[in-house]
Amino acid sequence: MSAHSIAVDGLLAVTALSCWAGALGMVRMKDAYQALHYLGVPAILGMGALTIAVFVETGWTQATWKCGIILAILTASNSVGTHAAARAFRQREKGHWEPLAEDKEIEFLKGMPR
């Protein structure tokens, strides 16, 4: 085995392990809000390692650019998607999105909703 193929195999292993770590982390959390934290692991770390593996294997080709664009889109949209999911979870749980005075977790706002 050459150093080239070992590097590619290692990067692909990082990709697979980050996907498994993200999935297991989501399953192990006690509620959906905590599980959202594990979305970034496969999206950023996994796709980043995959993009580097494609670059090492093929160089600056169309496949490398496509992987890079996908990585950029996942990086930009990950926080937006996480926020939208958290907002939807709260809306379904509470029946509203905005903090109200009668919400028990309003204490950190010193009793005053926005």
Protein backbone atom coordinates (compact mmCIF):
# COMPACT_ATOMS: atom_id res chain seq x y z
CA MET A 1 0.00 0.00 0.00
CA SER A 2 1.27 3.42 -0.84
CA ALA A 3 1.14 6.44 1.45
CA HIS A 4 -1.33 7.95 -0.99
CA SER A 5 -3.90 5.18 -0.58
CA ILE A 6 -3.36 5.06 3.20
CA ALA A 7 -4.14 8.78 3.41
CA VAL A 8 -7.29 8.38 1.32
CA ASP A 9 -8.41 5.36 3.36
CA GLY A 10 -7.78 7.28 6.59
CA LEU A 11 -9.82 10.25 5.39
CA LEU A 12 -12.66 7.98 4.32
CA ALA A 13 -12.52 6.32 7.74
CA VAL A 14 -12.84 9.76 9.36
CA THR A 15 -15.87 10.41 7.14
CA ALA A 16 -17.55 7.15 8.15
CA LEU A 17 -16.70 7.54 11.84
CA SER A 18 -18.01 11.11 11.94
CA CYS A 19 -21.31 9.94 10.45
CA TRP A 20 -21.57 7.16 13.03
CA ALA A 21 -20.60 9.53 15.86
CA GLY A 22 -23.26 12.01 14.76
CA ALA A 23 -25.93 9.32 14.53
CA LEU A 24 -25.02 7.74 17.86
CA GLY A 25 -24.84 11.14 19.54
CA MET A 26 -28.31 12.01 18.28
CA VAL A 27 -29.71 8.69 19.53
CA ARG A 28 -28.08 9.01 22.97
CA MET A 29 -29.38 12.49 23.78
CA LYS A 30 -32.45 12.80 25.98
CA ASP A 31 -34.33 15.32 23.85
CA ALA A 32 -34.40 16.72 20.36
CA TYR A 33 -32.74 20.00 21.35
CA GLN A 34 -29.62 18.20 22.54
CA ALA A 35 -29.60 15.88 19.53
CA LEU A 36 -29.38 18.89 17.21
CA HIS A 37 -25.80 19.49 18.40
CA TYR A 38 -24.67 16.32 16.64
CA LEU A 39 -25.82 17.41 13.17
CA GLY A 40 -22.60 19.34 12.62
CA VAL A 41 -20.27 16.39 13.12
CA PRO A 42 -21.08 14.53 9.88
CA ALA A 43 -21.96 17.69 7.97
CA ILE A 44 -18.71 19.54 8.60
CA LEU A 45 -16.12 16.99 9.71
CA GLY A 46 -17.35 14.16 7.49
CA MET A 47 -17.80 16.23 4.37
CA GLY A 48 -14.53 18.05 4.99
CA ALA A 49 -12.62 14.77 5.21
CA LEU A 50 -14.40 13.48 2.11
CA THR A 51 -13.50 16.62 0.16
CA ILE A 52 -9.84 16.27 1.15
CA ALA A 53 -9.91 12.57 0.21
CA VAL A 54 -11.28 13.39 -3.24
CA PHE A 55 -8.62 16.06 -3.66
CA VAL A 56 -5.82 13.67 -2.63
CA GLU A 57 -7.14 11.00 -4.98
CA THR A 58 -7.93 13.11 -8.06
CA GLY A 59 -6.31 16.53 -7.62
CA TRP A 60 -8.11 19.69 -8.76
CA THR A 61 -10.85 18.07 -10.79
CA GLN A 62 -14.54 18.72 -11.24
CA ALA A 63 -15.28 16.20 -8.48
CA THR A 64 -13.09 18.13 -6.04
CA TRP A 65 -14.85 21.39 -6.85
CA LYS A 66 -18.27 19.77 -6.45
CA CYS A 67 -17.30 18.36 -3.05
CA GLY A 68 -15.98 21.77 -2.04
CA ILE A 69 -19.22 23.45 -3.06
CA ILE A 70 -21.26 20.88 -1.16
CA LEU A 71 -19.04 21.42 1.89
CA ALA A 72 -19.58 25.17 1.67
CA ILE A 73 -23.35 24.74 1.35
CA LEU A 74 -23.47 22.33 4.30
CA THR A 75 -21.34 24.65 6.40
CA ALA A 76 -23.56 27.64 5.63
CA SER A 77 -26.88 25.85 5.95
CA ASN A 78 -26.11 23.73 9.01
CA SER A 79 -26.72 26.53 11.51
CA VAL A 80 -29.81 27.72 9.65
CA GLY A 81 -31.30 24.22 9.57
CA THR A 82 -30.51 23.64 13.23
CA HIS A 83 -32.19 26.90 14.21
CA ALA A 84 -35.26 26.12 12.11
CA ALA A 85 -35.55 22.65 13.64
CA ALA A 86 -35.21 24.01 17.19
CA ARG A 87 -37.84 26.62 16.48
CA ALA A 88 -40.19 23.97 15.07
CA PHE A 89 -39.63 21.75 18.13
CA ARG A 90 -40.49 24.63 20.45
CA GLN A 91 -43.52 25.62 18.39
CA ARG A 92 -44.86 22.07 18.54
CA GLU A 93 -44.09 21.65 22.24
CA LYS A 94 -45.35 25.03 23.50
CA GLY A 95 -47.82 26.03 20.79
CA HIS A 96 -45.90 29.27 20.25
CA TRP A 97 -42.40 30.43 19.38
CA GLU A 98 -42.01 33.72 21.25
CA PRO A 99 -41.27 33.57 25.01
CA LEU A 100 -44.29 34.35 27.14
CA ALA A 101 -44.35 35.44 30.79
CA GLU A 102 -46.01 32.18 31.87
CA ASP A 103 -43.24 29.99 30.36
CA LYS A 104 -41.24 28.32 33.13
CA GLU A 105 -37.91 28.89 31.35
CA ILE A 106 -38.44 32.66 31.19
CA GLU A 107 -36.37 33.13 34.38
CA PHE A 108 -33.18 33.84 32.44
CA LEU A 109 -34.93 36.86 30.92
CA LYS A 110 -35.67 38.17 34.45
CA GLY A 111 -39.39 37.51 34.09
CA MET A 112 -39.82 39.79 31.11
CA PRO A 113 -40.47 38.36 27.69
CA ARG A 114 -38.80 40.37 24.96
